[in-house]
Amino acid sequence: MTKWTAPAERCPIRHNDPVSANVVSAILLVLAVVLVVLTRLRLARSDEPGAGRLDIPVGLVNAHTALGTLAILLWGSYLVFETDWVVGFLGLLLWWGVTVVGLLILLRWLPAKGKHASEGASDAWTEGPWLSMVGHLGALVGAIVWTAYFSMDKLT
């Protein structure tokens, strides 16, 4: 039986190294893709209303999907293929548009007032607004982070 010996040179643990702006942006991009797709899947069904207290027009969901798709293509190409800054700027503007539309969609959870106002509807995904809040407030934080990185020219 051989005795275990430690290697002569240990690999240093690199848990204190900073994470690059490109890695953070790539993770945020993947999360944003998930947000756009799940919002579409959750609210675009015409046979049953989405969760919340107010009905959301399908046009708002379509705008969220269209802006999100264009933002994914432009911002993703800027991050991955290092295209011109104009492409990145347009992609960033589109992300702000997606964020604003997403926050408008989040308004469906505000309490409805009036004598004939109904209680909030739930769906099979979740009860309450927590999933929508995490997603769309996270999109706001992501847009702020991307804007900071883009304006400081940290994405290379």
Protein backbone atom coordinates (compact mmCIF):
# COMPACT_ATOMS: atom_id res chain seq x y z
CA MET A 1 0.00 0.00 0.00
CA THR A 2 1.41 3.40 -0.95
CA LYS A 3 1.16 6.38 1.26
CA TRP A 4 -0.56 9.45 -0.16
CA THR A 5 1.71 12.45 -0.52
CA ALA A 6 0.80 16.02 -1.31
CA PRO A 7 1.94 17.34 -4.65
CA ALA A 8 5.16 19.30 -4.58
CA GLU A 9 3.49 22.42 -5.94
CA ARG A 10 -0.07 23.24 -4.95
CA CYS A 11 -2.47 25.04 -7.20
CA PRO A 12 -3.45 28.33 -5.63
CA ILE A 13 -7.12 28.81 -4.91
CA ARG A 14 -8.32 31.73 -6.97
CA HIS A 15 -11.55 32.56 -5.18
CA ASN A 16 -10.54 36.18 -4.64
CA ASP A 17 -9.92 36.99 -8.29
CA PRO A 18 -12.35 39.55 -9.70
CA VAL A 19 -14.94 38.40 -12.21
CA SER A 20 -14.57 40.11 -15.55
CA ALA A 21 -17.25 42.36 -16.97
CA ASN A 22 -17.58 40.00 -19.94
CA VAL A 23 -18.42 37.04 -17.71
CA VAL A 24 -20.98 39.05 -15.73
CA SER A 25 -22.51 40.33 -18.98
CA ALA A 26 -22.71 36.83 -20.46
CA ILE A 27 -24.49 35.52 -17.35
CA LEU A 28 -26.90 38.48 -17.43
CA LEU A 29 -27.55 37.82 -21.13
CA VAL A 30 -28.49 34.19 -20.45
CA LEU A 31 -30.82 35.28 -17.63
CA ALA A 32 -32.36 37.91 -19.90
CA VAL A 33 -33.05 35.30 -22.59
CA VAL A 34 -34.79 33.15 -19.98
CA LEU A 35 -36.84 36.16 -18.84
CA VAL A 36 -38.02 37.03 -22.36
CA VAL A 37 -38.93 33.43 -23.16
CA LEU A 38 -40.71 32.73 -19.85
CA THR A 39 -42.68 35.98 -20.03
CA ARG A 40 -43.83 35.00 -23.51
CA LEU A 41 -44.77 31.48 -22.44
CA ARG A 42 -46.56 32.68 -19.32
CA LEU A 43 -48.62 35.53 -20.77
CA ALA A 44 -49.12 34.93 -24.49
CA ARG A 45 -51.70 32.16 -24.20
CA SER A 46 -54.97 33.50 -25.53
CA ASP A 47 -57.18 30.82 -23.97
CA GLU A 48 -56.45 31.73 -20.34
CA PRO A 49 -55.44 35.00 -18.71
CA GLY A 50 -52.09 35.38 -17.03
CA ALA A 51 -51.65 35.71 -13.32
CA GLY A 52 -52.21 39.06 -11.69
CA ARG A 53 -55.02 41.43 -10.84
CA LEU A 54 -55.20 43.23 -14.18
CA ASP A 55 -55.37 41.94 -17.73
CA ILE A 56 -52.31 42.70 -19.84
CA PRO A 57 -52.88 43.52 -23.51
CA VAL A 58 -51.35 40.99 -25.89
CA GLY A 59 -49.69 43.89 -27.69
CA LEU A 60 -47.61 44.62 -24.61
CA VAL A 61 -46.47 41.00 -24.44
CA ASN A 62 -45.71 41.07 -28.18
CA ALA A 63 -43.69 44.28 -27.72
CA HIS A 64 -41.76 42.63 -24.87
CA THR A 65 -40.98 39.63 -27.06
CA ALA A 66 -40.04 41.68 -30.15
CA LEU A 67 -37.84 44.12 -28.26
CA GLY A 68 -36.30 41.24 -26.30
CA THR A 69 -35.49 39.25 -29.43
CA LEU A 70 -33.86 42.24 -31.13
CA ALA A 71 -31.98 43.10 -27.95
CA ILE A 72 -30.70 39.53 -27.64
CA LEU A 73 -29.47 39.57 -31.23
CA LEU A 74 -27.82 43.00 -31.13
CA TRP A 75 -26.44 42.98 -27.59
CA GLY A 76 -25.42 39.33 -27.90
CA SER A 77 -23.53 40.02 -31.14
CA TYR A 78 -21.82 42.97 -29.47
CA LEU A 79 -20.72 40.80 -26.54
CA VAL A 80 -19.77 37.68 -28.48
CA PHE A 81 -18.48 38.97 -31.81
CA GLU A 82 -17.24 42.36 -30.60
CA THR A 83 -19.14 44.26 -33.27
CA ASP A 84 -19.07 48.04 -33.58
CA TRP A 85 -20.09 50.17 -30.59
CA VAL A 86 -23.18 51.37 -32.48
CA VAL A 87 -24.56 47.83 -32.44
CA GLY A 88 -23.91 47.63 -28.72
CA PHE A 89 -25.52 51.02 -28.14
CA LEU A 90 -28.64 50.01 -30.09
CA GLY A 91 -28.77 46.69 -28.23
CA LEU A 92 -28.50 48.52 -24.92
CA LEU A 93 -31.31 50.90 -25.89
CA LEU A 94 -33.44 47.89 -26.77
CA TRP A 95 -32.69 46.33 -23.37
CA TRP A 96 -33.92 49.50 -21.70
CA GLY A 97 -37.07 49.21 -23.82
CA VAL A 98 -37.52 45.59 -22.72
CA THR A 99 -37.02 46.67 -19.11
CA VAL A 100 -39.64 49.41 -19.32
CA VAL A 101 -42.17 47.11 -21.00
CA GLY A 102 -41.40 44.41 -18.43
CA LEU A 103 -42.03 46.83 -15.59
CA LEU A 104 -45.33 47.79 -17.25
CA ILE A 105 -46.22 44.10 -17.36
CA LEU A 106 -45.32 43.90 -13.68
CA LEU A 107 -48.00 46.52 -12.98
CA ARG A 108 -50.61 43.79 -13.43
CA TRP A 109 -50.06 42.93 -9.78
CA LEU A 110 -51.15 46.32 -8.48
CA PRO A 111 -54.42 46.18 -6.57
CA ALA A 112 -57.44 46.92 -8.73
CA LYS A 113 -59.80 49.47 -7.24
CA GLY A 114 -63.50 49.75 -7.68
CA LYS A 115 -66.74 48.14 -6.74
CA HIS A 116 -66.48 45.38 -9.34
CA ALA A 117 -62.75 44.70 -9.02
CA SER A 118 -61.91 41.04 -8.78
CA GLU A 119 -59.28 39.29 -6.73
CA GLY A 120 -55.94 38.48 -8.29
CA ALA A 121 -55.74 35.44 -10.52
CA SER A 122 -53.05 32.83 -10.09
CA ASP A 123 -51.68 30.34 -12.58
CA ALA A 124 -49.84 27.04 -12.51
CA TRP A 125 -46.43 28.75 -12.39
CA THR A 126 -46.58 30.45 -9.02
CA GLU A 127 -48.81 32.18 -6.55
CA GLY A 128 -48.28 35.87 -6.14
CA PRO A 129 -46.02 38.31 -7.91
CA TRP A 130 -42.63 37.09 -6.66
CA LEU A 131 -41.52 35.41 -9.92
CA SER A 132 -42.42 38.44 -12.02
CA MET A 133 -40.79 40.79 -9.53
CA VAL A 134 -37.53 38.84 -9.40
CA GLY A 135 -37.38 38.64 -13.19
CA HIS A 136 -38.26 42.18 -14.13
CA LEU A 137 -36.51 43.96 -11.27
CA GLY A 138 -33.50 41.78 -12.09
CA ALA A 139 -33.78 43.01 -15.68
CA LEU A 140 -33.64 46.58 -14.37
CA VAL A 141 -30.48 45.79 -12.40
CA GLY A 142 -29.03 44.06 -15.46
CA ALA A 143 -29.72 47.07 -17.68
CA ILE A 144 -28.05 49.35 -15.12
CA VAL A 145 -24.98 47.07 -14.93
CA TRP A 146 -24.73 46.83 -18.72
CA THR A 147 -25.05 50.59 -19.06
CA ALA A 148 -22.27 51.11 -16.53
CA TYR A 149 -20.00 48.59 -18.27
CA PHE A 150 -20.75 50.03 -21.70
CA SER A 151 -20.24 53.64 -20.66
CA MET A 152 -16.93 52.80 -18.91
CA ASP A 153 -15.80 50.73 -21.94
CA LYS A 154 -15.27 47.62 -19.79
CA LEU A 155 -16.64 45.17 -22.38
CA THR A 156 -13.87 44.02 -24.70
